[in-house]
Amino acid sequence: MAKSKYETHVLPNLERIEKWAKEGATAKDIAAKLKIAYSTLRKYIDLGQDGDGRYTALSDAFARGCEVSDDAIETALFNRAK
């Protein structure tokens, strides 16, 4: 049976995905870097958030990366507001 895009394009790049998200890359940017459709990546992320064990690693990596980026944006906005 053929491997899914998740197995061939996403799983080997989980560390990169987290790094890209930390650097501010959007899900669309990451999908392009992985050479998969944005809708496919969103499906994997959404299923991982819903508790589907197969995609939890991706969902967690993306969330960790975005958390750092979100914190930096919040701090910048707060400092600018002062």
C-alpha atoms as a PDB file:
ATOM      1  CA  MET A   1       0.000   0.000   0.000  1.00  0.00           C
ATOM      2  CA  ALA A   2       1.264   3.477  -0.830  1.00  0.00           C
ATOM      3  CA  LYS A   3       2.332   5.771   1.974  1.00  0.00           C
ATOM      4  CA  SER A   4       0.313   8.885   2.701  1.00  0.00           C
ATOM      5  CA  LYS A   5       1.675  12.416   2.326  1.00  0.00           C
ATOM      6  CA  TYR A   6       1.648  12.565   6.112  1.00  0.00           C
ATOM      7  CA  GLU A   7       4.141   9.713   6.295  1.00  0.00           C
ATOM      8  CA  THR A   8       6.331  10.875   3.425  1.00  0.00           C
ATOM      9  CA  HIS A   9       6.217  14.683   3.660  1.00  0.00           C
ATOM     10  CA  VAL A  10       5.143  15.625   7.180  1.00  0.00           C
ATOM     11  CA  LEU A  11       6.499  13.125   9.726  1.00  0.00           C
ATOM     12  CA  PRO A  12      10.139  13.403   8.597  1.00  0.00           C
ATOM     13  CA  ASN A  13       9.905  17.193   8.944  1.00  0.00           C
ATOM     14  CA  LEU A  14       8.226  17.705  12.343  1.00  0.00           C
ATOM     15  CA  GLU A  15      11.244  19.546  13.781  1.00  0.00           C
ATOM     16  CA  ARG A  16      11.396  21.783  10.721  1.00  0.00           C
ATOM     17  CA  ILE A  17       7.666  22.489  10.946  1.00  0.00           C
ATOM     18  CA  GLU A  18       8.025  23.627  14.552  1.00  0.00           C
ATOM     19  CA  LYS A  19      11.042  25.777  13.623  1.00  0.00           C
ATOM     20  CA  TRP A  20       9.225  27.359  10.682  1.00  0.00           C
ATOM     21  CA  ALA A  21       6.204  28.131  12.861  1.00  0.00           C
ATOM     22  CA  LYS A  22       8.486  29.706  15.491  1.00  0.00           C
ATOM     23  CA  GLU A  23       9.915  31.897  12.745  1.00  0.00           C
ATOM     24  CA  GLY A  24       6.399  33.084  11.892  1.00  0.00           C
ATOM     25  CA  ALA A  25       5.575  30.899   8.895  1.00  0.00           C
ATOM     26  CA  THR A  26       1.863  30.363   8.336  1.00  0.00           C
ATOM     27  CA  ALA A  27       0.254  27.000   7.651  1.00  0.00           C
ATOM     28  CA  LYS A  28       0.128  28.005   3.963  1.00  0.00           C
ATOM     29  CA  ASP A  29       3.854  28.748   3.981  1.00  0.00           C
ATOM     30  CA  ILE A  30       4.623  25.439   5.661  1.00  0.00           C
ATOM     31  CA  ALA A  31       2.433  23.497   3.231  1.00  0.00           C
ATOM     32  CA  ALA A  32       4.322  25.075   0.335  1.00  0.00           C
ATOM     33  CA  LYS A  33       7.675  24.181   1.894  1.00  0.00           C
ATOM     34  CA  LEU A  34       6.482  20.581   2.351  1.00  0.00           C
ATOM     35  CA  LYS A  35       5.118  20.505  -1.217  1.00  0.00           C
ATOM     36  CA  ILE A  36       1.633  19.469  -0.085  1.00  0.00           C
ATOM     37  CA  ALA A  37      -1.717  21.184  -0.449  1.00  0.00           C
ATOM     38  CA  TYR A  38      -2.651  23.669   2.249  1.00  0.00           C
ATOM     39  CA  SER A  39      -5.998  21.881   2.674  1.00  0.00           C
ATOM     40  CA  THR A  40      -4.165  18.614   3.351  1.00  0.00           C
ATOM     41  CA  LEU A  41      -1.962  20.184   6.018  1.00  0.00           C
ATOM     42  CA  ARG A  42      -4.980  21.865   7.670  1.00  0.00           C
ATOM     43  CA  LYS A  43      -6.803  18.530   7.684  1.00  0.00           C
ATOM     44  CA  TYR A  44      -3.888  16.855   9.464  1.00  0.00           C
ATOM     45  CA  ILE A  45      -3.577  19.693  11.997  1.00  0.00           C
ATOM     46  CA  ASP A  46      -7.329  19.799  12.669  1.00  0.00           C
ATOM     47  CA  LEU A  47      -7.575  16.022  13.073  1.00  0.00           C
ATOM     48  CA  GLY A  48      -4.620  16.091  15.462  1.00  0.00           C
ATOM     49  CA  GLN A  49      -6.342  18.734  17.580  1.00  0.00           C
ATOM     50  CA  ASP A  50      -9.483  16.599  17.671  1.00  0.00           C
ATOM     51  CA  GLY A  51      -7.527  13.813  19.348  1.00  0.00           C
ATOM     52  CA  ASP A  52      -6.752  11.629  16.326  1.00  0.00           C
ATOM     53  CA  GLY A  53      -3.611   9.879  17.531  1.00  0.00           C
ATOM     54  CA  ARG A  54      -2.119   9.620  14.049  1.00  0.00           C
ATOM     55  CA  TYR A  55      -1.740  13.390  13.644  1.00  0.00           C
ATOM     56  CA  THR A  56      -1.182  14.553  17.219  1.00  0.00           C
ATOM     57  CA  ALA A  57       2.582  14.940  16.728  1.00  0.00           C
ATOM     58  CA  LEU A  58       2.035  17.429  13.895  1.00  0.00           C
ATOM     59  CA  SER A  59      -0.648  19.341  15.751  1.00  0.00           C
ATOM     60  CA  ASP A  60       1.563  19.597  18.842  1.00  0.00           C
ATOM     61  CA  ALA A  61       4.646  20.690  16.873  1.00  0.00           C
ATOM     62  CA  PHE A  62       2.669  23.346  15.012  1.00  0.00           C
ATOM     63  CA  ALA A  63       1.063  24.611  18.239  1.00  0.00           C
ATOM     64  CA  ARG A  64       4.436  24.829  20.043  1.00  0.00           C
ATOM     65  CA  GLY A  65       5.915  26.778  17.167  1.00  0.00           C
ATOM     66  CA  CYS A  66       2.983  29.170  16.909  1.00  0.00           C
ATOM     67  CA  GLU A  67       2.976  29.754  20.664  1.00  0.00           C
ATOM     68  CA  VAL A  68       6.446  31.280  20.532  1.00  0.00           C
ATOM     69  CA  SER A  69       5.516  33.423  17.541  1.00  0.00           C
ATOM     70  CA  ASP A  70       2.263  34.559  19.178  1.00  0.00           C
ATOM     71  CA  ASP A  71       4.102  35.526  22.384  1.00  0.00           C
ATOM     72  CA  ALA A  72       6.577  37.632  20.417  1.00  0.00           C
ATOM     73  CA  ILE A  73       3.755  39.434  18.612  1.00  0.00           C
ATOM     74  CA  GLU A  74       1.904  40.105  21.869  1.00  0.00           C
ATOM     75  CA  THR A  75       5.042  41.547  23.452  1.00  0.00           C
ATOM     76  CA  ALA A  76       5.751  43.739  20.438  1.00  0.00           C
ATOM     77  CA  LEU A  77       2.194  45.057  20.362  1.00  0.00           C
ATOM     78  CA  PHE A  78       2.232  45.730  24.100  1.00  0.00           C
ATOM     79  CA  ASN A  79       5.536  47.593  23.865  1.00  0.00           C
ATOM     80  CA  ARG A  80       4.286  49.631  20.951  1.00  0.00           C
ATOM     81  CA  ALA A  81       1.089  50.528  22.838  1.00  0.00           C
ATOM     82  CA  LYS A  82       3.142  51.847  25.769  1.00  0.00           C
END
